[in-house]
Amino acid sequence: MFGAMFIATSVFMIPRLGVATVLTLILVGQLLSSLLFDHCGLLGMPQHQITLVRLLGAVSLIAGAAMVRL
């Protein structure tokens, strides 16, 4: 189900935003999700706090996504 939603969303958004922007936004979403999963210890995984370095990495990737869109 999630795979079908991923493909449908990609097919719908690529003509509007471009391939580079869509792929960058996918990576941003995965990074933010992984930070949340690590911070909360979801799915039985050990908790890893969000540190300044991790936060700076996420902010850098978000800034990169904004630059790709320009």
C-alpha atoms as a PDB file:
ATOM      1  CA  MET A   1       0.000   0.000   0.000  1.00  0.00           C
ATOM      2  CA  PHE A   2       2.748   2.457   0.951  1.00  0.00           C
ATOM      3  CA  GLY A   3       4.731   1.552  -2.146  1.00  0.00           C
ATOM      4  CA  ALA A   4       1.755   2.288  -4.370  1.00  0.00           C
ATOM      5  CA  MET A   5       1.214   5.624  -2.607  1.00  0.00           C
ATOM      6  CA  PHE A   6       4.911   6.459  -3.040  1.00  0.00           C
ATOM      7  CA  ILE A   7       4.843   5.707  -6.774  1.00  0.00           C
ATOM      8  CA  ALA A   8       1.550   7.555  -7.337  1.00  0.00           C
ATOM      9  CA  THR A   9       2.758  10.621  -5.454  1.00  0.00           C
ATOM     10  CA  SER A  10       6.070  10.611  -7.317  1.00  0.00           C
ATOM     11  CA  VAL A  11       4.370  10.300 -10.700  1.00  0.00           C
ATOM     12  CA  PHE A  12       2.003  13.133  -9.770  1.00  0.00           C
ATOM     13  CA  MET A  13       4.671  15.493  -8.354  1.00  0.00           C
ATOM     14  CA  ILE A  14       7.624  15.011 -10.744  1.00  0.00           C
ATOM     15  CA  PRO A  15       6.038  16.936 -13.644  1.00  0.00           C
ATOM     16  CA  ARG A  16       5.183  19.808 -11.278  1.00  0.00           C
ATOM     17  CA  LEU A  17       8.369  20.053  -9.200  1.00  0.00           C
ATOM     18  CA  GLY A  18      11.030  18.191 -11.162  1.00  0.00           C
ATOM     19  CA  VAL A  19      12.917  14.994 -10.420  1.00  0.00           C
ATOM     20  CA  ALA A  20      15.689  16.574  -8.333  1.00  0.00           C
ATOM     21  CA  THR A  21      13.260  18.394  -6.049  1.00  0.00           C
ATOM     22  CA  VAL A  22      11.010  15.369  -5.537  1.00  0.00           C
ATOM     23  CA  LEU A  23      13.940  13.082  -4.722  1.00  0.00           C
ATOM     24  CA  THR A  24      15.407  15.672  -2.354  1.00  0.00           C
ATOM     25  CA  LEU A  25      12.064  16.051  -0.562  1.00  0.00           C
ATOM     26  CA  ILE A  26      11.824  12.263  -0.247  1.00  0.00           C
ATOM     27  CA  LEU A  27      15.249  12.208   1.409  1.00  0.00           C
ATOM     28  CA  VAL A  28      14.270  15.057   3.753  1.00  0.00           C
ATOM     29  CA  GLY A  29      11.152  13.151   4.772  1.00  0.00           C
ATOM     30  CA  GLN A  30      13.136   9.992   5.434  1.00  0.00           C
ATOM     31  CA  LEU A  31      15.741  11.869   7.482  1.00  0.00           C
ATOM     32  CA  LEU A  32      13.149  13.652   9.621  1.00  0.00           C
ATOM     33  CA  SER A  33      11.266  10.388  10.150  1.00  0.00           C
ATOM     34  CA  SER A  34      14.430   8.580  11.198  1.00  0.00           C
ATOM     35  CA  LEU A  35      15.289  11.367  13.662  1.00  0.00           C
ATOM     36  CA  LEU A  36      11.827  11.034  15.194  1.00  0.00           C
ATOM     37  CA  PHE A  37      12.028   7.232  15.309  1.00  0.00           C
ATOM     38  CA  ASP A  38      15.464   7.391  16.972  1.00  0.00           C
ATOM     39  CA  HIS A  39      14.432  10.070  19.462  1.00  0.00           C
ATOM     40  CA  CYS A  40      11.266   8.249  20.554  1.00  0.00           C
ATOM     41  CA  GLY A  41      12.671   4.721  20.306  1.00  0.00           C
ATOM     42  CA  LEU A  42       9.827   3.590  18.073  1.00  0.00           C
ATOM     43  CA  LEU A  43       9.468  -0.002  16.856  1.00  0.00           C
ATOM     44  CA  GLY A  44      11.385  -1.311  19.874  1.00  0.00           C
ATOM     45  CA  MET A  45      14.660   0.320  18.875  1.00  0.00           C
ATOM     46  CA  PRO A  46      16.937   1.919  21.466  1.00  0.00           C
ATOM     47  CA  GLN A  47      16.527   5.657  21.939  1.00  0.00           C
ATOM     48  CA  HIS A  48      19.116   8.061  20.526  1.00  0.00           C
ATOM     49  CA  GLN A  49      18.618  11.668  21.504  1.00  0.00           C
ATOM     50  CA  ILE A  50      18.576  14.403  18.879  1.00  0.00           C
ATOM     51  CA  THR A  51      21.958  16.068  19.292  1.00  0.00           C
ATOM     52  CA  LEU A  52      23.143  19.373  17.908  1.00  0.00           C
ATOM     53  CA  VAL A  53      25.137  17.588  15.198  1.00  0.00           C
ATOM     54  CA  ARG A  54      22.103  15.566  14.080  1.00  0.00           C
ATOM     55  CA  LEU A  55      19.948  18.683  14.099  1.00  0.00           C
ATOM     56  CA  LEU A  56      22.522  20.616  12.053  1.00  0.00           C
ATOM     57  CA  GLY A  57      22.625  17.744   9.556  1.00  0.00           C
ATOM     58  CA  ALA A  58      18.848  17.853   9.166  1.00  0.00           C
ATOM     59  CA  VAL A  59      18.856  21.634   8.778  1.00  0.00           C
ATOM     60  CA  SER A  60      21.621  21.364   6.158  1.00  0.00           C
ATOM     61  CA  LEU A  61      19.620  18.851   4.152  1.00  0.00           C
ATOM     62  CA  ILE A  62      16.496  21.026   4.351  1.00  0.00           C
ATOM     63  CA  ALA A  63      18.552  24.032   3.188  1.00  0.00           C
ATOM     64  CA  GLY A  64      19.884  21.904   0.329  1.00  0.00           C
ATOM     65  CA  ALA A  65      16.342  20.960  -0.656  1.00  0.00           C
ATOM     66  CA  ALA A  66      15.432  24.648  -0.749  1.00  0.00           C
ATOM     67  CA  MET A  67      18.478  25.372  -2.934  1.00  0.00           C
ATOM     68  CA  VAL A  68      17.574  22.586  -5.370  1.00  0.00           C
ATOM     69  CA  ARG A  69      14.156  24.208  -5.776  1.00  0.00           C
ATOM     70  CA  LEU A  70      15.650  27.571  -6.717  1.00  0.00           C
END
